[in-house]
Amino acid sequence: MANTAFVVRDSAGLMGLVALGAALAGGQCAWTLPFVRFSFTFFAPPPASAPMEAATWMLLSPGTAAGTWTAMVLAVVGSTVYAVAGPRR
């Protein structure tokens, strides 16, 4: 079972990726960016450094700073880009 912090962090990061995907590729293809990112986490090597922790943020424990910061940056950047540019047509 996943705890609440894990679900909230990953949901915020994925929401940012969906917003970024909608701004870059349009509403019909907004799902592709989070799907590709999620798929990458299964094929990436185990996180041994800070960049790999940021790359595999979805599978890290909720107390990991790199995972939390990556998810929050994605949420803020994705929401901002979507708010400024809107969905691509």
PDB file of N, CA and C in Angstrom:
ATOM      1  N   MET A   1       0.843  -1.185   0.000  1.00  0.00           N
ATOM      2  CA  MET A   1       0.000   0.000   0.000  1.00  0.00           C
ATOM      3  C   MET A   1       0.886   1.245   0.000  1.00  0.00           C
ATOM      4  N   ALA A   2       0.507   2.195  -0.792  1.00  0.00           N
ATOM      5  CA  ALA A   2       1.235   3.470  -0.870  1.00  0.00           C
ATOM      6  C   ALA A   2       0.660   4.423   0.169  1.00  0.00           C
ATOM      7  N   ASN A   3       1.553   5.211   0.765  1.00  0.00           N
ATOM      8  CA  ASN A   3       1.054   6.182   1.732  1.00  0.00           C
ATOM      9  C   ASN A   3       0.627   7.464   1.019  1.00  0.00           C
ATOM     10  N   THR A   4      -0.010   8.359   1.736  1.00  0.00           N
ATOM     11  CA  THR A   4      -0.581   9.566   1.152  1.00  0.00           C
ATOM     12  C   THR A   4       0.478  10.473   0.548  1.00  0.00           C
ATOM     13  N   ALA A   5       1.623  10.620   1.203  1.00  0.00           N
ATOM     14  CA  ALA A   5       2.681  11.503   0.690  1.00  0.00           C
ATOM     15  C   ALA A   5       3.185  11.020  -0.668  1.00  0.00           C
ATOM     16  N   PHE A   6       3.302   9.725  -0.834  1.00  0.00           N
ATOM     17  CA  PHE A   6       3.749   9.145  -2.101  1.00  0.00           C
ATOM     18  C   PHE A   6       2.754   9.460  -3.221  1.00  0.00           C
ATOM     19  N   VAL A   7       1.480   9.273  -2.939  1.00  0.00           N
ATOM     20  CA  VAL A   7       0.434   9.501  -3.935  1.00  0.00           C
ATOM     21  C   VAL A   7       0.340  10.984  -4.294  1.00  0.00           C
ATOM     22  N   VAL A   8       0.403  11.857  -3.302  1.00  0.00           N
ATOM     23  CA  VAL A   8       0.299  13.295  -3.558  1.00  0.00           C
ATOM     24  C   VAL A   8       1.495  13.781  -4.361  1.00  0.00           C
ATOM     25  N   ARG A   9       2.706  13.361  -3.995  1.00  0.00           N
ATOM     26  CA  ARG A   9       3.905  13.786  -4.711  1.00  0.00           C
ATOM     27  C   ARG A   9       3.876  13.322  -6.157  1.00  0.00           C
ATOM     28  N   ASP A  10       3.580  12.064  -6.382  1.00  0.00           N
ATOM     29  CA  ASP A  10       3.564  11.547  -7.747  1.00  0.00           C
ATOM     30  C   ASP A  10       2.422  12.138  -8.568  1.00  0.00           C
ATOM     31  N   SER A  11       1.293  12.372  -7.946  1.00  0.00           N
ATOM     32  CA  SER A  11       0.169  12.988  -8.658  1.00  0.00           C
ATOM     33  C   SER A  11       0.496  14.413  -9.083  1.00  0.00           C
ATOM     34  N   ALA A  12       1.159  15.161  -8.216  1.00  0.00           N
ATOM     35  CA  ALA A  12       1.545  16.537  -8.558  1.00  0.00           C
ATOM     36  C   ALA A  12       2.538  16.547  -9.713  1.00  0.00           C
ATOM     37  N   GLY A  13       3.525  15.678  -9.671  1.00  0.00           N
ATOM     38  CA  GLY A  13       4.500  15.615 -10.748  1.00  0.00           C
ATOM     39  C   GLY A  13       3.883  15.175 -12.062  1.00  0.00           C
ATOM     40  N   LEU A  14       3.023  14.177 -12.018  1.00  0.00           N
ATOM     41  CA  LEU A  14       2.357  13.706 -13.234  1.00  0.00           C
ATOM     42  C   LEU A  14       1.391  14.748 -13.779  1.00  0.00           C
ATOM     43  N   MET A  15       0.742  15.504 -12.903  1.00  0.00           N
ATOM     44  CA  MET A  15      -0.140  16.582 -13.349  1.00  0.00           C
ATOM     45  C   MET A  15       0.661  17.633 -14.108  1.00  0.00           C
ATOM     46  N   GLY A  16       1.855  17.954 -13.604  1.00  0.00           N
ATOM     47  CA  GLY A  16       2.717  18.895 -14.304  1.00  0.00           C
ATOM     48  C   GLY A  16       3.153  18.368 -15.657  1.00  0.00           C
ATOM     49  N   LEU A  17       3.446  17.080 -15.736  1.00  0.00           N
ATOM     50  CA  LEU A  17       3.823  16.484 -17.014  1.00  0.00           C
ATOM     51  C   LEU A  17       2.661  16.490 -18.005  1.00  0.00           C
ATOM     52  N   VAL A  18       1.449  16.248 -17.530  1.00  0.00           N
ATOM     53  CA  VAL A  18       0.274  16.293 -18.408  1.00  0.00           C
ATOM     54  C   VAL A  18       0.050  17.719 -18.920  1.00  0.00           C
ATOM     55  N   ALA A  19       0.177  18.697 -18.033  1.00  0.00           N
ATOM     56  CA  ALA A  19       0.009  20.094 -18.446  1.00  0.00           C
ATOM     57  C   ALA A  19       1.075  20.490 -19.462  1.00  0.00           C
ATOM     58  N   LEU A  20       2.302  20.065 -19.235  1.00  0.00           N
ATOM     59  CA  LEU A  20       3.380  20.351 -20.177  1.00  0.00           C
ATOM     60  C   LEU A  20       3.136  19.636 -21.504  1.00  0.00           C
ATOM     61  N   GLY A  21       2.674  18.399 -21.437  1.00  0.00           N
ATOM     62  CA  GLY A  21       2.354  17.657 -22.655  1.00  0.00           C
ATOM     63  C   GLY A  21       1.227  18.301 -23.441  1.00  0.00           C
ATOM     64  N   ALA A  22       0.229  18.831 -22.756  1.00  0.00           N
ATOM     65  CA  ALA A  22      -0.879  19.502 -23.441  1.00  0.00           C
ATOM     66  C   ALA A  22      -0.404  20.784 -24.106  1.00  0.00           C
ATOM     67  N   ALA A  23       0.490  21.500 -23.447  1.00  0.00           N
ATOM     68  CA  ALA A  23       1.004  22.743 -24.029  1.00  0.00           C
ATOM     69  C   ALA A  23       1.910  22.463 -25.222  1.00  0.00           C
ATOM     70  N   LEU A  24       2.649  21.362 -25.180  1.00  0.00           N
ATOM     71  CA  LEU A  24       3.592  21.061 -26.256  1.00  0.00           C
ATOM     72  C   LEU A  24       2.967  20.272 -27.400  1.00  0.00           C
ATOM     73  N   ALA A  25       2.098  19.318 -27.087  1.00  0.00           N
ATOM     74  CA  ALA A  25       1.591  18.406 -28.115  1.00  0.00           C
ATOM     75  C   ALA A  25       0.085  18.470 -28.318  1.00  0.00           C
ATOM     76  N   GLY A  26      -0.629  19.226 -27.530  1.00  0.00           N
ATOM     77  CA  GLY A  26      -2.080  19.311 -27.655  1.00  0.00           C
ATOM     78  C   GLY A  26      -2.788  18.382 -26.684  1.00  0.00           C
ATOM     79  N   GLY A  27      -4.058  18.627 -26.511  1.00  0.00           N
ATOM     80  CA  GLY A  27      -4.846  17.873 -25.541  1.00  0.00           C
ATOM     81  C   GLY A  27      -4.968  16.394 -25.839  1.00  0.00           C
ATOM     82  N   GLN A  28      -5.048  16.028 -27.105  1.00  0.00           N
ATOM     83  CA  GLN A  28      -5.204  14.623 -27.450  1.00  0.00           C
ATOM     84  C   GLN A  28      -3.953  13.807 -27.165  1.00  0.00           C
ATOM     85  N   CYS A  29      -2.805  14.441 -27.172  1.00  0.00           N
ATOM     86  CA  CYS A  29      -1.537  13.733 -26.938  1.00  0.00           C
ATOM     87  C   CYS A  29      -0.909  14.106 -25.607  1.00  0.00           C
ATOM     88  N   ALA A  30      -1.653  14.745 -24.718  1.00  0.00           N
ATOM     89  CA  ALA A  30      -1.106  15.180 -23.435  1.00  0.00           C
ATOM     90  C   ALA A  30      -0.664  13.997 -22.574  1.00  0.00           C
ATOM     91  N   TRP A  31      -1.241  12.846 -22.773  1.00  0.00           N
ATOM     92  CA  TRP A  31      -0.924  11.667 -21.967  1.00  0.00           C
ATOM     93  C   TRP A  31       0.434  11.066 -22.319  1.00  0.00           C
ATOM     94  N   THR A  32       0.982  11.381 -23.482  1.00  0.00           N
ATOM     95  CA  THR A  32       2.204  10.710 -23.926  1.00  0.00           C
ATOM     96  C   THR A  32       3.417  11.051 -23.063  1.00  0.00           C
ATOM     97  N   LEU A  33       3.575  12.293 -22.666  1.00  0.00           N
ATOM     98  CA  LEU A  33       4.739  12.680 -21.865  1.00  0.00           C
ATOM     99  C   LEU A  33       4.767  11.965 -20.504  1.00  0.00           C
ATOM    100  N   PRO A  34       3.669  11.922 -19.739  1.00  0.00           N
ATOM    101  CA  PRO A  34       3.711  11.158 -18.490  1.00  0.00           C
ATOM    102  C   PRO A  34       3.890   9.658 -18.719  1.00  0.00           C
ATOM    103  N   PHE A  35       3.316   9.130 -19.780  1.00  0.00           N
ATOM    104  CA  PHE A  35       3.450   7.700 -20.057  1.00  0.00           C
ATOM    105  C   PHE A  35       4.893   7.336 -20.381  1.00  0.00           C
ATOM    106  N   VAL A  36       5.540   8.132 -21.215  1.00  0.00           N
ATOM    107  CA  VAL A  36       6.950   7.883 -21.553  1.00  0.00           C
ATOM    108  C   VAL A  36       7.817   8.020 -20.309  1.00  0.00           C
ATOM    109  N   ARG A  37       7.553   9.011 -19.502  1.00  0.00           N
ATOM    110  CA  ARG A  37       8.327   9.222 -18.280  1.00  0.00           C
ATOM    111  C   ARG A  37       8.145   8.060 -17.313  1.00  0.00           C
ATOM    112  N   PHE A  38       6.920   7.598 -17.176  1.00  0.00           N
ATOM    113  CA  PHE A  38       6.633   6.468 -16.293  1.00  0.00           C
ATOM    114  C   PHE A  38       7.295   5.195 -16.813  1.00  0.00           C
ATOM    115  N   SER A  39       7.243   4.982 -18.111  1.00  0.00           N
ATOM    116  CA  SER A  39       7.869   3.800 -18.706  1.00  0.00           C
ATOM    117  C   SER A  39       9.378   3.816 -18.519  1.00  0.00           C
ATOM    118  N   PHE A  40       9.987   4.998 -18.595  1.00  0.00           N
ATOM    119  CA  PHE A  40      11.433   5.125 -18.424  1.00  0.00           C
ATOM    120  C   PHE A  40      11.884   4.633 -17.056  1.00  0.00           C
ATOM    121  N   THR A  41      11.069   4.857 -16.035  1.00  0.00           N
ATOM    122  CA  THR A  41      11.481   4.479 -14.684  1.00  0.00           C
ATOM    123  C   THR A  41      11.661   2.979 -14.534  1.00  0.00           C
ATOM    124  N   PHE A  42      10.994   2.193 -15.362  1.00  0.00           N
ATOM    125  CA  PHE A  42      11.148   0.745 -15.275  1.00  0.00           C
ATOM    126  C   PHE A  42      12.408   0.233 -15.959  1.00  0.00           C
ATOM    127  N   PHE A  43      12.946   1.002 -16.895  1.00  0.00           N
ATOM    128  CA  PHE A  43      14.129   0.575 -17.630  1.00  0.00           C
ATOM    129  C   PHE A  43      15.403   1.281 -17.183  1.00  0.00           C
ATOM    130  N   ALA A  44      15.289   2.277 -16.344  1.00  0.00           N
ATOM    131  CA  ALA A  44      16.451   3.028 -15.866  1.00  0.00           C
ATOM    132  C   ALA A  44      17.224   2.186 -14.850  1.00  0.00           C
ATOM    133  N   PRO A  45      18.534   2.369 -14.778  1.00  0.00           N
ATOM    134  CA  PRO A  45      19.306   1.660 -13.769  1.00  0.00           C
ATOM    135  C   PRO A  45      18.952   2.167 -12.373  1.00  0.00           C
ATOM    136  N   PRO A  46      19.300   1.429 -11.339  1.00  0.00           N
ATOM    137  CA  PRO A  46      19.006   1.877  -9.977  1.00  0.00           C
ATOM    138  C   PRO A  46      19.650   3.230  -9.691  1.00  0.00           C
ATOM    139  N   PRO A  47      18.961   4.082  -8.945  1.00  0.00           N
ATOM    140  CA  PRO A  47      19.494   5.417  -8.685  1.00  0.00           C
ATOM    141  C   PRO A  47      20.713   5.371  -7.755  1.00  0.00           C
ATOM    142  N   ALA A  48      21.872   5.670  -8.310  1.00  0.00           N
ATOM    143  CA  ALA A  48      23.113   5.691  -7.524  1.00  0.00           C
ATOM    144  C   ALA A  48      23.653   7.097  -7.378  1.00  0.00           C
ATOM    145  N   SER A  49      23.070   8.048  -8.090  1.00  0.00           N
ATOM    146  CA  SER A  49      23.528   9.428  -8.020  1.00  0.00           C
ATOM    147  C   SER A  49      22.315  10.351  -8.004  1.00  0.00           C
ATOM    148  N   ALA A  50      22.558  11.614  -7.738  1.00  0.00           N
ATOM    149  CA  ALA A  50      21.459  12.582  -7.678  1.00  0.00           C
ATOM    150  C   ALA A  50      20.735  12.723  -9.010  1.00  0.00           C
ATOM    151  N   PRO A  51      21.436  12.771 -10.160  1.00  0.00           N
ATOM    152  CA  PRO A  51      20.702  12.852 -11.426  1.00  0.00           C
ATOM    153  C   PRO A  51      19.811  11.630 -11.683  1.00  0.00           C
ATOM    154  N   MET A  52      20.270  10.455 -11.311  1.00  0.00           N
ATOM    155  CA  MET A  52      19.434   9.266 -11.499  1.00  0.00           C
ATOM    156  C   MET A  52      18.268   9.249 -10.517  1.00  0.00           C
ATOM    157  N   GLU A  53      18.458   9.813  -9.338  1.00  0.00           N
ATOM    158  CA  GLU A  53      17.333   9.931  -8.414  1.00  0.00           C
ATOM    159  C   GLU A  53      16.278  10.866  -8.982  1.00  0.00           C
ATOM    160  N   ALA A  54      16.718  11.951  -9.598  1.00  0.00           N
ATOM    161  CA  ALA A  54      15.769  12.877 -10.213  1.00  0.00           C
ATOM    162  C   ALA A  54      15.080  12.224 -11.405  1.00  0.00           C
ATOM    163  N   ALA A  55      15.802  11.384 -12.139  1.00  0.00           N
ATOM    164  CA  ALA A  55      15.217  10.723 -13.307  1.00  0.00           C
ATOM    165  C   ALA A  55      14.202   9.655 -12.925  1.00  0.00           C
ATOM    166  N   THR A  56      14.381   9.031 -11.776  1.00  0.00           N
ATOM    167  CA  THR A  56      13.469   7.971 -11.329  1.00  0.00           C
ATOM    168  C   THR A  56      12.648   8.420 -10.128  1.00  0.00           C
ATOM    169  N   TRP A  57      12.245   9.663 -10.107  1.00  0.00           N
ATOM    170  CA  TRP A  57      11.564  10.243  -8.956  1.00  0.00           C
ATOM    171  C   TRP A  57      10.255   9.551  -8.614  1.00  0.00           C
ATOM    172  N   MET A  58       9.586   8.938  -9.572  1.00  0.00           N
ATOM    173  CA  MET A  58       8.281   8.340  -9.299  1.00  0.00           C
ATOM    174  C   MET A  58       8.341   7.115  -8.399  1.00  0.00           C
ATOM    175  N   LEU A  59       9.473   6.424  -8.374  1.00  0.00           N
ATOM    176  CA  LEU A  59       9.579   5.199  -7.593  1.00  0.00           C
ATOM    177  C   LEU A  59      10.331   5.373  -6.280  1.00  0.00           C
ATOM    178  N   LEU A  60      10.809   6.578  -6.006  1.00  0.00           N
ATOM    179  CA  LEU A  60      11.539   6.826  -4.762  1.00  0.00           C
ATOM    180  C   LEU A  60      10.574   6.950  -3.588  1.00  0.00           C
ATOM    181  N   SER A  61      11.093   6.727  -2.409  1.00  0.00           N
ATOM    182  CA  SER A  61      10.251   6.878  -1.220  1.00  0.00           C
ATOM    183  C   SER A  61       9.901   8.347  -1.030  1.00  0.00           C
ATOM    184  N   PRO A  62       8.784   8.634  -0.355  1.00  0.00           N
ATOM    185  CA  PRO A  62       8.326  10.014  -0.230  1.00  0.00           C
ATOM    186  C   PRO A  62       9.278  10.924   0.547  1.00  0.00           C
ATOM    187  N   GLY A  63      10.143  10.386   1.358  1.00  0.00           N
ATOM    188  CA  GLY A  63      11.060  11.212   2.130  1.00  0.00           C
ATOM    189  C   GLY A  63      12.308  11.622   1.370  1.00  0.00           C
ATOM    190  N   THR A  64      12.463  11.176   0.140  1.00  0.00           N
ATOM    191  CA  THR A  64      13.647  11.488  -0.652  1.00  0.00           C
ATOM    192  C   THR A  64      13.526  12.894  -1.215  1.00  0.00           C
ATOM    193  N   ALA A  65      14.527  13.727  -0.920  1.00  0.00           N
ATOM    194  CA  ALA A  65      14.477  15.127  -1.348  1.00  0.00           C
ATOM    195  C   ALA A  65      14.498  15.266  -2.863  1.00  0.00           C
ATOM    196  N   ALA A  66      15.300  14.460  -3.544  1.00  0.00           N
ATOM    197  CA  ALA A  66      15.397  14.565  -5.005  1.00  0.00           C
ATOM    198  C   ALA A  66      14.061  14.243  -5.666  1.00  0.00           C
ATOM    199  N   GLY A  67      13.363  13.260  -5.171  1.00  0.00           N
ATOM    200  CA  GLY A  67      12.063  12.903  -5.729  1.00  0.00           C
ATOM    201  C   GLY A  67      11.013  13.976  -5.491  1.00  0.00           C
ATOM    202  N   THR A  68      11.015  14.527  -4.292  1.00  0.00           N
ATOM    203  CA  THR A  68      10.046  15.564  -3.959  1.00  0.00           C
ATOM    204  C   THR A  68      10.299  16.827  -4.758  1.00  0.00           C
ATOM    205  N   TRP A  69      11.550  17.256  -4.830  1.00  0.00           N
ATOM    206  CA  TRP A  69      11.880  18.467  -5.581  1.00  0.00           C
ATOM    207  C   TRP A  69      11.609  18.302  -7.064  1.00  0.00           C
ATOM    208  N   THR A  70      11.909  17.155  -7.620  1.00  0.00           N
ATOM    209  CA  THR A  70      11.648  16.920  -9.039  1.00  0.00           C
ATOM    210  C   THR A  70      10.159  16.998  -9.325  1.00  0.00           C
ATOM    211  N   ALA A  71       9.351  16.363  -8.488  1.00  0.00           N
ATOM    212  CA  ALA A  71       7.899  16.397  -8.687  1.00  0.00           C
ATOM    213  C   ALA A  71       7.354  17.813  -8.554  1.00  0.00           C
ATOM    214  N   MET A  72       7.837  18.567  -7.594  1.00  0.00           N
ATOM    215  CA  MET A  72       7.349  19.935  -7.411  1.00  0.00           C
ATOM    216  C   MET A  72       7.775  20.845  -8.560  1.00  0.00           C
ATOM    217  N   VAL A  73       8.991  20.679  -9.054  1.00  0.00           N
ATOM    218  CA  VAL A  73       9.450  21.482 -10.194  1.00  0.00           C
ATOM    219  C   VAL A  73       8.611  21.156 -11.425  1.00  0.00           C
ATOM    220  N   LEU A  74       8.349  19.881 -11.662  1.00  0.00           N
ATOM    221  CA  LEU A  74       7.508  19.494 -12.796  1.00  0.00           C
ATOM    222  C   LEU A  74       6.096  20.068 -12.662  1.00  0.00           C
ATOM    223  N   ALA A  75       5.542  20.043 -11.468  1.00  0.00           N
ATOM    224  CA  ALA A  75       4.201  20.570 -11.248  1.00  0.00           C
ATOM    225  C   ALA A  75       4.150  22.072 -11.512  1.00  0.00           C
ATOM    226  N   VAL A  76       5.123  22.807 -10.999  1.00  0.00           N
ATOM    227  CA  VAL A  76       5.136  24.263 -11.166  1.00  0.00           C
ATOM    228  C   VAL A  76       5.413  24.649 -12.619  1.00  0.00           C
ATOM    229  N   VAL A  77       6.431  24.040 -13.213  1.00  0.00           N
ATOM    230  CA  VAL A  77       6.780  24.374 -14.599  1.00  0.00           C
ATOM    231  C   VAL A  77       5.655  23.980 -15.552  1.00  0.00           C
ATOM    232  N   GLY A  78       5.120  22.786 -15.409  1.00  0.00           N
ATOM    233  CA  GLY A  78       4.037  22.350 -16.288  1.00  0.00           C
ATOM    234  C   GLY A  78       2.804  23.222 -16.161  1.00  0.00           C
ATOM    235  N   SER A  79       2.421  23.552 -14.946  1.00  0.00           N
ATOM    236  CA  SER A  79       1.247  24.405 -14.734  1.00  0.00           C
ATOM    237  C   SER A  79       1.468  25.810 -15.279  1.00  0.00           C
ATOM    238  N   THR A  80       2.672  26.333 -15.098  1.00  0.00           N
ATOM    239  CA  THR A  80       2.984  27.676 -15.585  1.00  0.00           C
ATOM    240  C   THR A  80       2.977  27.728 -17.109  1.00  0.00           C
ATOM    241  N   VAL A  81       3.610  26.751 -17.739  1.00  0.00           N
ATOM    242  CA  VAL A  81       3.638  26.720 -19.206  1.00  0.00           C
ATOM    243  C   VAL A  81       2.220  26.580 -19.754  1.00  0.00           C
ATOM    244  N   TYR A  82       1.422  25.748 -19.141  1.00  0.00           N
ATOM    245  CA  TYR A  82       0.045  25.566 -19.606  1.00  0.00           C
ATOM    246  C   TYR A  82      -0.780  26.845 -19.386  1.00  0.00           C
ATOM    247  N   ALA A  83      -0.578  27.511 -18.251  1.00  0.00           N
ATOM    248  CA  ALA A  83      -1.324  28.725 -17.967  1.00  0.00           C
ATOM    249  C   ALA A  83      -0.951  29.858 -18.933  1.00  0.00           C
ATOM    250  N   VAL A  84       0.324  29.928 -19.311  1.00  0.00           N
ATOM    251  CA  VAL A  84       0.771  30.989 -20.192  1.00  0.00           C
ATOM    252  C   VAL A  84       0.443  30.674 -21.656  1.00  0.00           C
ATOM    253  N   ALA A  85       0.765  29.455 -22.097  1.00  0.00           N
ATOM    254  CA  ALA A  85       0.624  29.106 -23.511  1.00  0.00           C
ATOM    255  C   ALA A  85      -0.719  28.467 -23.838  1.00  0.00           C
ATOM    256  N   GLY A  86      -1.319  27.780 -22.883  1.00  0.00           N
ATOM    257  CA  GLY A  86      -2.559  27.066 -23.156  1.00  0.00           C
ATOM    258  C   GLY A  86      -2.283  25.794 -23.935  1.00  0.00           C
ATOM    259  N   PRO A  87      -3.323  25.025 -24.221  1.00  0.00           N
ATOM    260  CA  PRO A  87      -3.104  23.777 -24.982  1.00  0.00           C
ATOM    261  C   PRO A  87      -2.814  24.085 -26.447  1.00  0.00           C
ATOM    262  N   ARG A  88      -1.955  23.289 -27.007  1.00  0.00           N
ATOM    263  CA  ARG A  88      -1.638  23.434 -28.427  1.00  0.00           C
ATOM    264  C   ARG A  88      -2.813  22.921 -29.254  1.00  0.00           C
ATOM    265  N   ARG A  89      -3.063  23.560 -30.345  1.00  0.00           N
ATOM    266  CA  ARG A  89      -4.203  23.162 -31.197  1.00  0.00           C
ATOM    267  C   ARG A  89      -3.711  22.467 -32.419  1.00  0.00           C
TER     268      ARG A  89
END
